[in-house]
């Protein structure tokens, strides 16, 4: 069993590295706020992240459950419809799509 001082040292190192890795992007972003690249990333990154999440979630559903495929595609359509209809509110649209998927999967 490692000594207490060894564990404290490891935790301090892990804490320092984690804090630095989380703080550095914010420190750099302050200087790059006026950059055209950063403005483009601010527009496209949320969409890209949601697309990646949707593809990975749908891939798992499509490969394992043929009935769930239609439910998932319907939930995606609901998500897109809610997103475009109610002012592009991500939490509302993802919540509605998830609710539709869960209800369809559990009732049919």
C-alpha atoms as a PDB file:
ATOM      1  CA  UNK A   1       0.000   0.000   0.000  1.00  0.00           C
ATOM      2  CA  UNK A   2       1.453   3.406  -0.972  1.00  0.00           C
ATOM      3  CA  UNK A   3       2.170   5.903   1.743  1.00  0.00           C
ATOM      4  CA  UNK A   4      -0.135   8.814   2.457  1.00  0.00           C
ATOM      5  CA  UNK A   5       2.424  11.390   1.302  1.00  0.00           C
ATOM      6  CA  UNK A   6       2.782   9.554  -2.018  1.00  0.00           C
ATOM      7  CA  UNK A   7      -0.998   9.575  -2.569  1.00  0.00           C
ATOM      8  CA  UNK A   8      -1.234  13.261  -1.664  1.00  0.00           C
ATOM      9  CA  UNK A   9       1.593  14.069  -4.108  1.00  0.00           C
ATOM     10  CA  UNK A  10      -0.100  12.123  -6.908  1.00  0.00           C
ATOM     11  CA  UNK A  11      -3.423  13.843  -6.243  1.00  0.00           C
ATOM     12  CA  UNK A  12      -1.725  17.265  -6.217  1.00  0.00           C
ATOM     13  CA  UNK A  13      -0.070  16.540  -9.567  1.00  0.00           C
ATOM     14  CA  UNK A  14      -3.322  15.280 -11.084  1.00  0.00           C
ATOM     15  CA  UNK A  15      -5.194  18.328  -9.761  1.00  0.00           C
ATOM     16  CA  UNK A  16      -2.576  20.731 -11.162  1.00  0.00           C
ATOM     17  CA  UNK A  17      -2.541  19.116 -14.603  1.00  0.00           C
ATOM     18  CA  UNK A  18      -6.341  18.974 -14.774  1.00  0.00           C
ATOM     19  CA  UNK A  19      -6.705  22.593 -13.708  1.00  0.00           C
ATOM     20  CA  UNK A  20      -4.079  23.730 -16.229  1.00  0.00           C
ATOM     21  CA  UNK A  21      -5.669  21.795 -19.091  1.00  0.00           C
ATOM     22  CA  UNK A  22      -9.055  23.314 -18.312  1.00  0.00           C
ATOM     23  CA  UNK A  23      -7.777  26.869 -17.775  1.00  0.00           C
ATOM     24  CA  UNK A  24      -5.428  27.202 -20.762  1.00  0.00           C
ATOM     25  CA  UNK A  25      -8.168  27.296 -23.442  1.00  0.00           C
ATOM     26  CA  UNK A  26      -9.961  30.117 -21.621  1.00  0.00           C
ATOM     27  CA  UNK A  27      -6.735  32.092 -21.238  1.00  0.00           C
ATOM     28  CA  UNK A  28      -5.938  31.723 -24.935  1.00  0.00           C
ATOM     29  CA  UNK A  29      -9.522  32.368 -26.035  1.00  0.00           C
ATOM     30  CA  UNK A  30      -9.478  35.801 -24.422  1.00  0.00           C
ATOM     31  CA  UNK A  31      -6.766  36.908 -26.844  1.00  0.00           C
ATOM     32  CA  UNK A  32      -8.410  35.288 -29.863  1.00  0.00           C
ATOM     33  CA  UNK A  33     -11.950  36.599 -29.351  1.00  0.00           C
ATOM     34  CA  UNK A  34     -11.742  38.913 -32.354  1.00  0.00           C
ATOM     35  CA  UNK A  35     -10.518  36.153 -34.663  1.00  0.00           C
ATOM     36  CA  UNK A  36     -12.722  35.090 -37.571  1.00  0.00           C
ATOM     37  CA  UNK A  37     -11.842  31.438 -36.957  1.00  0.00           C
ATOM     38  CA  UNK A  38     -13.047  31.589 -33.355  1.00  0.00           C
ATOM     39  CA  UNK A  39     -16.303  33.234 -34.442  1.00  0.00           C
ATOM     40  CA  UNK A  40     -16.872  30.479 -37.018  1.00  0.00           C
ATOM     41  CA  UNK A  41     -16.085  27.781 -34.477  1.00  0.00           C
ATOM     42  CA  UNK A  42     -18.586  29.351 -32.061  1.00  0.00           C
ATOM     43  CA  UNK A  43     -21.280  28.946 -34.715  1.00  0.00           C
ATOM     44  CA  UNK A  44     -20.406  25.489 -36.035  1.00  0.00           C
ATOM     45  CA  UNK A  45     -19.049  23.573 -33.038  1.00  0.00           C
ATOM     46  CA  UNK A  46     -22.380  23.077 -31.232  1.00  0.00           C
ATOM     47  CA  UNK A  47     -23.924  21.766 -34.452  1.00  0.00           C
ATOM     48  CA  UNK A  48     -20.956  19.486 -35.059  1.00  0.00           C
ATOM     49  CA  UNK A  49     -21.014  18.100 -31.539  1.00  0.00           C
ATOM     50  CA  UNK A  50     -24.742  17.362 -31.749  1.00  0.00           C
ATOM     51  CA  UNK A  51     -24.260  15.723 -35.155  1.00  0.00           C
ATOM     52  CA  UNK A  52     -21.522  13.461 -33.787  1.00  0.00           C
ATOM     53  CA  UNK A  53     -23.682  12.528 -30.794  1.00  0.00           C
ATOM     54  CA  UNK A  54     -26.654  11.808 -33.054  1.00  0.00           C
ATOM     55  CA  UNK A  55     -24.634   9.643 -35.428  1.00  0.00           C
ATOM     56  CA  UNK A  56     -23.112   7.570 -32.633  1.00  0.00           C
ATOM     57  CA  UNK A  57     -26.475   7.131 -30.907  1.00  0.00           C
ATOM     58  CA  UNK A  58     -28.260   6.214 -34.129  1.00  0.00           C
ATOM     59  CA  UNK A  59     -25.499   3.815 -35.154  1.00  0.00           C
ATOM     60  CA  UNK A  60     -25.963   1.865 -31.942  1.00  0.00           C
ATOM     61  CA  UNK A  61     -29.736   1.779 -32.386  1.00  0.00           C
ATOM     62  CA  UNK A  62     -29.707   0.833 -36.062  1.00  0.00           C
ATOM     63  CA  UNK A  63     -27.256  -2.025 -35.623  1.00  0.00           C
ATOM     64  CA  UNK A  64     -29.011  -3.612 -32.639  1.00  0.00           C
ATOM     65  CA  UNK A  65     -32.761  -3.098 -33.054  1.00  0.00           C
ATOM     66  CA  UNK A  66     -34.537  -2.942 -36.434  1.00  0.00           C
ATOM     67  CA  UNK A  67     -37.796  -1.659 -34.873  1.00  0.00           C
ATOM     68  CA  UNK A  68     -35.897   0.980 -32.950  1.00  0.00           C
ATOM     69  CA  UNK A  69     -34.509   2.347 -36.213  1.00  0.00           C
ATOM     70  CA  UNK A  70     -37.872   3.767 -37.262  1.00  0.00           C
ATOM     71  CA  UNK A  71     -38.472   5.118 -33.781  1.00  0.00           C
ATOM     72  CA  UNK A  72     -35.064   6.788 -33.788  1.00  0.00           C
ATOM     73  CA  UNK A  73     -35.621   8.338 -37.218  1.00  0.00           C
ATOM     74  CA  UNK A  74     -39.008   9.651 -36.103  1.00  0.00           C
ATOM     75  CA  UNK A  75     -37.405  11.076 -32.942  1.00  0.00           C
ATOM     76  CA  UNK A  76     -34.741  12.772 -35.075  1.00  0.00           C
ATOM     77  CA  UNK A  77     -37.474  14.319 -37.231  1.00  0.00           C
ATOM     78  CA  UNK A  78     -39.275  15.556 -34.107  1.00  0.00           C
ATOM     79  CA  UNK A  79     -36.011  16.956 -32.756  1.00  0.00           C
ATOM     80  CA  UNK A  80     -35.336  18.862 -35.978  1.00  0.00           C
ATOM     81  CA  UNK A  81     -38.926  20.098 -36.170  1.00  0.00           C
ATOM     82  CA  UNK A  82     -38.981  21.331 -32.577  1.00  0.00           C
ATOM     83  CA  UNK A  83     -35.555  22.901 -32.990  1.00  0.00           C
ATOM     84  CA  UNK A  84     -36.593  24.897 -36.052  1.00  0.00           C
ATOM     85  CA  UNK A  85     -40.095  25.723 -34.808  1.00  0.00           C
ATOM     86  CA  UNK A  86     -39.354  26.907 -31.276  1.00  0.00           C
ATOM     87  CA  UNK A  87     -36.425  29.246 -31.806  1.00  0.00           C
ATOM     88  CA  UNK A  88     -33.502  26.813 -31.955  1.00  0.00           C
ATOM     89  CA  UNK A  89     -33.598  25.879 -28.295  1.00  0.00           C
ATOM     90  CA  UNK A  90     -31.289  22.898 -28.078  1.00  0.00           C
ATOM     91  CA  UNK A  91     -32.382  21.586 -24.703  1.00  0.00           C
ATOM     92  CA  UNK A  92     -36.053  21.736 -25.684  1.00  0.00           C
ATOM     93  CA  UNK A  93     -35.515  20.003 -29.028  1.00  0.00           C
ATOM     94  CA  UNK A  94     -33.228  17.274 -27.673  1.00  0.00           C
ATOM     95  CA  UNK A  95     -35.597  16.705 -24.750  1.00  0.00           C
ATOM     96  CA  UNK A  96     -38.614  16.412 -27.050  1.00  0.00           C
ATOM     97  CA  UNK A  97     -36.814  14.024 -29.393  1.00  0.00           C
ATOM     98  CA  UNK A  98     -35.610  11.898 -26.506  1.00  0.00           C
ATOM     99  CA  UNK A  99     -39.099  11.791 -24.995  1.00  0.00           C
ATOM    100  CA  UNK A 100     -40.621  10.709 -28.316  1.00  0.00           C
ATOM    101  CA  UNK A 101     -38.016   7.974 -28.714  1.00  0.00           C
ATOM    102  CA  UNK A 102     -38.453   6.650 -25.185  1.00  0.00           C
ATOM    103  CA  UNK A 103     -42.257   6.682 -25.420  1.00  0.00           C
ATOM    104  CA  UNK A 104     -42.236   4.910 -28.790  1.00  0.00           C
ATOM    105  CA  UNK A 105     -39.708   2.348 -27.669  1.00  0.00           C
ATOM    106  CA  UNK A 106     -41.580   1.513 -24.473  1.00  0.00           C
ATOM    107  CA  UNK A 107     -45.154   1.542 -25.790  1.00  0.00           C
ATOM    108  CA  UNK A 108     -44.890  -0.082 -29.213  1.00  0.00           C
END
